[in-house]
Amino acid sequence: MNNNSEDEQLAKLRDIQIARLAFIGASIATIGDGISTYAAALALEVLEEANNQRSQPSSSHFKNLDIAQQQLDYYIQQLQHMRQWIK
């Protein structure tokens, strides 16, 4: 009877670990999707600007790059928090 109870507890712990890994994987994938989407938006913007034959970068372009850097820093920070949470 005791062995059966231990088996059930081990099975529950295993299920929790599996769910935790699934959550971490989904979180990392979501962050990766966000970075990919933002990179695609930046690439589109650059192509549109090139198509409009702008020879000098505008101040809005630099502002967008600063915003992109802030967002990437945020995503990296989130990944670091997740790595610490795993440990």
N, C-alpha and C. Protein backbone atom coordinates (compact mmCIF):
# COMPACT_ATOMS: atom_id res chain seq x y z
N MET A 1 0.83 -1.19 0.00
CA MET A 1 0.00 0.00 0.00
C MET A 1 0.87 1.25 0.00
N ASN A 2 1.93 1.25 0.80
CA ASN A 2 2.81 2.39 0.89
C ASN A 2 3.55 2.62 -0.43
N ASN A 3 3.94 1.51 -1.07
CA ASN A 3 4.65 1.58 -2.34
C ASN A 3 3.76 2.21 -3.42
N ASN A 4 2.48 1.89 -3.38
CA ASN A 4 1.52 2.43 -4.33
C ASN A 4 1.37 3.93 -4.15
N SER A 5 1.35 4.38 -2.91
CA SER A 5 1.23 5.81 -2.60
C SER A 5 2.47 6.57 -3.08
N GLU A 6 3.64 5.97 -2.88
CA GLU A 6 4.87 6.59 -3.35
C GLU A 6 4.90 6.70 -4.86
N ASP A 7 4.40 5.66 -5.54
CA ASP A 7 4.34 5.68 -7.00
C ASP A 7 3.42 6.80 -7.49
N GLU A 8 2.31 6.99 -6.82
CA GLU A 8 1.39 8.06 -7.20
C GLU A 8 2.02 9.43 -6.99
N GLN A 9 2.74 9.59 -5.88
CA GLN A 9 3.40 10.87 -5.62
C GLN A 9 4.48 11.15 -6.66
N LEU A 10 5.25 10.12 -7.02
CA LEU A 10 6.27 10.28 -8.05
C LEU A 10 5.64 10.63 -9.40
N ALA A 11 4.52 10.02 -9.69
CA ALA A 11 3.83 10.31 -10.95
C ALA A 11 3.34 11.76 -10.97
N LYS A 12 2.82 12.24 -9.84
CA LYS A 12 2.36 13.62 -9.77
C LYS A 12 3.52 14.60 -9.92
N LEU A 13 4.64 14.30 -9.27
CA LEU A 13 5.83 15.16 -9.39
C LEU A 13 6.34 15.19 -10.83
N ARG A 14 6.33 14.03 -11.47
CA ARG A 14 6.75 13.96 -12.87
C ARG A 14 5.83 14.79 -13.75
N ASP A 15 4.53 14.70 -13.51
CA ASP A 15 3.57 15.48 -14.29
C ASP A 15 3.78 16.98 -14.09
N ILE A 16 4.10 17.38 -12.87
CA ILE A 16 4.37 18.80 -12.58
C ILE A 16 5.63 19.24 -13.33
N GLN A 17 6.66 18.42 -13.32
CA GLN A 17 7.88 18.77 -14.03
C GLN A 17 7.65 18.87 -15.53
N ILE A 18 6.87 17.98 -16.06
CA ILE A 18 6.54 18.01 -17.49
C ILE A 18 5.77 19.29 -17.83
N ALA A 19 4.80 19.62 -16.99
CA ALA A 19 4.02 20.85 -17.21
C ALA A 19 4.91 22.09 -17.11
N ARG A 20 5.84 22.08 -16.16
CA ARG A 20 6.77 23.21 -16.00
C ARG A 20 7.63 23.37 -17.25
N LEU A 21 8.16 22.26 -17.77
CA LEU A 21 8.96 22.32 -18.99
C LEU A 21 8.15 22.80 -20.18
N ALA A 22 6.91 22.37 -20.26
CA ALA A 22 6.04 22.83 -21.35
C ALA A 22 5.80 24.33 -21.26
N PHE A 23 5.60 24.82 -20.04
CA PHE A 23 5.42 26.26 -19.83
C PHE A 23 6.66 27.04 -20.24
N ILE A 24 7.82 26.56 -19.83
CA ILE A 24 9.07 27.24 -20.16
C ILE A 24 9.29 27.24 -21.67
N GLY A 25 9.06 26.11 -22.29
CA GLY A 25 9.22 26.03 -23.75
C GLY A 25 8.28 26.97 -24.48
N ALA A 26 7.04 27.02 -24.04
CA ALA A 26 6.07 27.92 -24.67
C ALA A 26 6.44 29.38 -24.47
N SER A 27 6.96 29.69 -23.29
CA SER A 27 7.37 31.07 -23.01
C SER A 27 8.54 31.48 -23.90
N ILE A 28 9.52 30.61 -24.03
CA ILE A 28 10.67 30.91 -24.89
C ILE A 28 10.23 31.05 -26.34
N ALA A 29 9.35 30.18 -26.79
CA ALA A 29 8.86 30.26 -28.17
C ALA A 29 8.10 31.57 -28.40
N THR A 30 7.32 31.99 -27.43
CA THR A 30 6.57 33.24 -27.55
C THR A 30 7.52 34.44 -27.63
N ILE A 31 8.54 34.43 -26.80
CA ILE A 31 9.52 35.52 -26.85
C ILE A 31 10.23 35.51 -28.20
N GLY A 32 10.60 34.34 -28.68
CA GLY A 32 11.24 34.22 -30.00
C GLY A 32 10.34 34.72 -31.11
N ASP A 33 9.06 34.39 -31.04
CA ASP A 33 8.11 34.89 -32.04
C ASP A 33 8.03 36.41 -32.02
N GLY A 34 8.04 36.98 -30.82
CA GLY A 34 7.99 38.44 -30.70
C GLY A 34 9.21 39.09 -31.32
N ILE A 35 10.38 38.52 -31.07
CA ILE A 35 11.61 39.06 -31.65
C ILE A 35 11.57 38.93 -33.17
N SER A 36 11.13 37.80 -33.68
CA SER A 36 11.05 37.60 -35.14
C SER A 36 10.08 38.57 -35.78
N THR A 37 8.95 38.78 -35.14
CA THR A 37 7.96 39.72 -35.68
C THR A 37 8.52 41.13 -35.72
N TYR A 38 9.19 41.51 -34.66
CA TYR A 38 9.76 42.87 -34.62
C TYR A 38 10.86 43.02 -35.65
N ALA A 39 11.69 42.00 -35.83
CA ALA A 39 12.74 42.05 -36.85
C ALA A 39 12.14 42.17 -38.25
N ALA A 40 11.06 41.46 -38.50
CA ALA A 40 10.40 41.56 -39.79
C ALA A 40 9.83 42.96 -40.02
N ALA A 41 9.27 43.56 -38.97
CA ALA A 41 8.74 44.91 -39.08
C ALA A 41 9.85 45.91 -39.36
N LEU A 42 11.00 45.75 -38.71
CA LEU A 42 12.14 46.63 -38.98
C LEU A 42 12.64 46.46 -40.41
N ALA A 43 12.72 45.23 -40.87
CA ALA A 43 13.16 44.98 -42.24
C ALA A 43 12.20 45.61 -43.24
N LEU A 44 10.92 45.50 -42.99
CA LEU A 44 9.92 46.10 -43.86
C LEU A 44 10.08 47.62 -43.89
N GLU A 45 10.30 48.20 -42.73
CA GLU A 45 10.47 49.65 -42.65
C GLU A 45 11.69 50.11 -43.45
N VAL A 46 12.79 49.36 -43.32
CA VAL A 46 14.00 49.71 -44.05
C VAL A 46 13.76 49.61 -45.55
N LEU A 47 13.08 48.57 -45.99
CA LEU A 47 12.78 48.41 -47.41
C LEU A 47 11.88 49.53 -47.92
N GLU A 48 10.90 49.91 -47.13
CA GLU A 48 10.01 50.99 -47.53
C GLU A 48 10.76 52.32 -47.62
N GLU A 49 11.67 52.55 -46.67
CA GLU A 49 12.46 53.78 -46.71
C GLU A 49 13.38 53.79 -47.93
N ALA A 50 13.98 52.64 -48.24
CA ALA A 50 14.85 52.55 -49.41
C ALA A 50 14.05 52.78 -50.68
N ASN A 51 12.84 52.29 -50.68
CA ASN A 51 11.97 52.45 -51.85
C ASN A 51 11.59 53.92 -52.02
N ASN A 52 11.47 54.64 -50.93
CA ASN A 52 11.14 56.06 -50.99
C ASN A 52 12.38 56.90 -51.27
N GLN A 53 13.53 56.25 -51.45
CA GLN A 53 14.80 56.88 -51.81
C GLN A 53 15.23 57.94 -50.82
N ARG A 54 15.12 57.62 -49.57
CA ARG A 54 15.63 58.51 -48.53
C ARG A 54 17.12 58.23 -48.39
N SER A 55 17.92 59.25 -48.59
CA SER A 55 19.36 59.05 -48.55
C SER A 55 19.93 59.16 -47.14
N GLN A 56 19.29 59.93 -46.26
CA GLN A 56 19.78 60.09 -44.90
C GLN A 56 18.75 59.51 -43.93
N PRO A 57 19.26 58.81 -42.91
CA PRO A 57 18.32 58.28 -41.91
C PRO A 57 17.67 59.41 -41.13
N SER A 58 16.39 59.26 -40.92
CA SER A 58 15.65 60.28 -40.19
C SER A 58 15.77 60.04 -38.69
N SER A 59 15.39 61.06 -37.91
CA SER A 59 15.44 60.90 -36.46
C SER A 59 14.45 59.85 -35.98
N SER A 60 13.35 59.66 -36.72
CA SER A 60 12.39 58.63 -36.33
C SER A 60 12.99 57.23 -36.48
N HIS A 61 13.89 57.09 -37.46
CA HIS A 61 14.56 55.80 -37.65
C HIS A 61 15.42 55.48 -36.43
N PHE A 62 16.18 56.46 -35.96
CA PHE A 62 17.02 56.25 -34.78
C PHE A 62 16.15 55.99 -33.54
N LYS A 63 15.02 56.67 -33.46
CA LYS A 63 14.11 56.46 -32.34
C LYS A 63 13.57 55.02 -32.37
N ASN A 64 13.23 54.55 -33.57
CA ASN A 64 12.75 53.18 -33.72
C ASN A 64 13.82 52.17 -33.33
N LEU A 65 15.08 52.46 -33.67
CA LEU A 65 16.16 51.57 -33.29
C LEU A 65 16.33 51.54 -31.78
N ASP A 66 16.19 52.69 -31.13
CA ASP A 66 16.27 52.72 -29.67
C ASP A 66 15.15 51.91 -29.04
N ILE A 67 13.96 52.03 -29.59
CA ILE A 67 12.81 51.26 -29.08
C ILE A 67 13.06 49.76 -29.29
N ALA A 68 13.61 49.40 -30.46
CA ALA A 68 13.90 48.00 -30.74
C ALA A 68 14.93 47.47 -29.75
N GLN A 69 15.95 48.26 -29.46
CA GLN A 69 16.97 47.84 -28.50
C GLN A 69 16.37 47.64 -27.11
N GLN A 70 15.48 48.53 -26.71
CA GLN A 70 14.83 48.41 -25.41
C GLN A 70 14.00 47.13 -25.34
N GLN A 71 13.28 46.84 -26.43
CA GLN A 71 12.46 45.63 -26.44
C GLN A 71 13.31 44.37 -26.42
N LEU A 72 14.41 44.37 -27.18
CA LEU A 72 15.29 43.22 -27.17
C LEU A 72 15.92 43.04 -25.79
N ASP A 73 16.30 44.14 -25.15
CA ASP A 73 16.84 44.06 -23.79
C ASP A 73 15.81 43.45 -22.84
N TYR A 74 14.54 43.84 -23.01
CA TYR A 74 13.48 43.30 -22.17
C TYR A 74 13.34 41.78 -22.38
N TYR A 75 13.36 41.34 -23.65
CA TYR A 75 13.23 39.91 -23.93
C TYR A 75 14.41 39.13 -23.35
N ILE A 76 15.60 39.68 -23.47
CA ILE A 76 16.78 39.02 -22.92
C ILE A 76 16.67 38.93 -21.41
N GLN A 77 16.19 40.00 -20.78
CA GLN A 77 16.01 40.01 -19.33
C GLN A 77 15.00 38.93 -18.91
N GLN A 78 13.92 38.80 -19.68
CA GLN A 78 12.92 37.79 -19.36
C GLN A 78 13.50 36.38 -19.47
N LEU A 79 14.33 36.14 -20.50
CA LEU A 79 14.96 34.84 -20.63
C LEU A 79 15.91 34.56 -19.46
N GLN A 80 16.61 35.60 -19.00
CA GLN A 80 17.50 35.42 -17.86
C GLN A 80 16.71 35.10 -16.60
N HIS A 81 15.56 35.74 -16.42
CA HIS A 81 14.71 35.44 -15.26
C HIS A 81 14.22 33.99 -15.33
N MET A 82 13.86 33.55 -16.53
CA MET A 82 13.38 32.18 -16.69
C MET A 82 14.50 31.19 -16.37
N ARG A 83 15.73 31.52 -16.79
CA ARG A 83 16.86 30.63 -16.53
C ARG A 83 17.09 30.51 -15.02
N GLN A 84 16.99 31.63 -14.31
CA GLN A 84 17.15 31.60 -12.85
C GLN A 84 16.01 30.84 -12.19
N TRP A 85 14.82 30.97 -12.73
CA TRP A 85 13.66 30.28 -12.18
C TRP A 85 13.81 28.76 -12.32
N ILE A 86 14.43 28.33 -13.41
CA ILE A 86 14.61 26.91 -13.66
C ILE A 86 15.56 26.30 -12.64
N LYS A 87 16.60 27.05 -12.28
CA LYS A 87 17.61 26.53 -11.34
C LYS A 87 17.04 26.32 -10.00
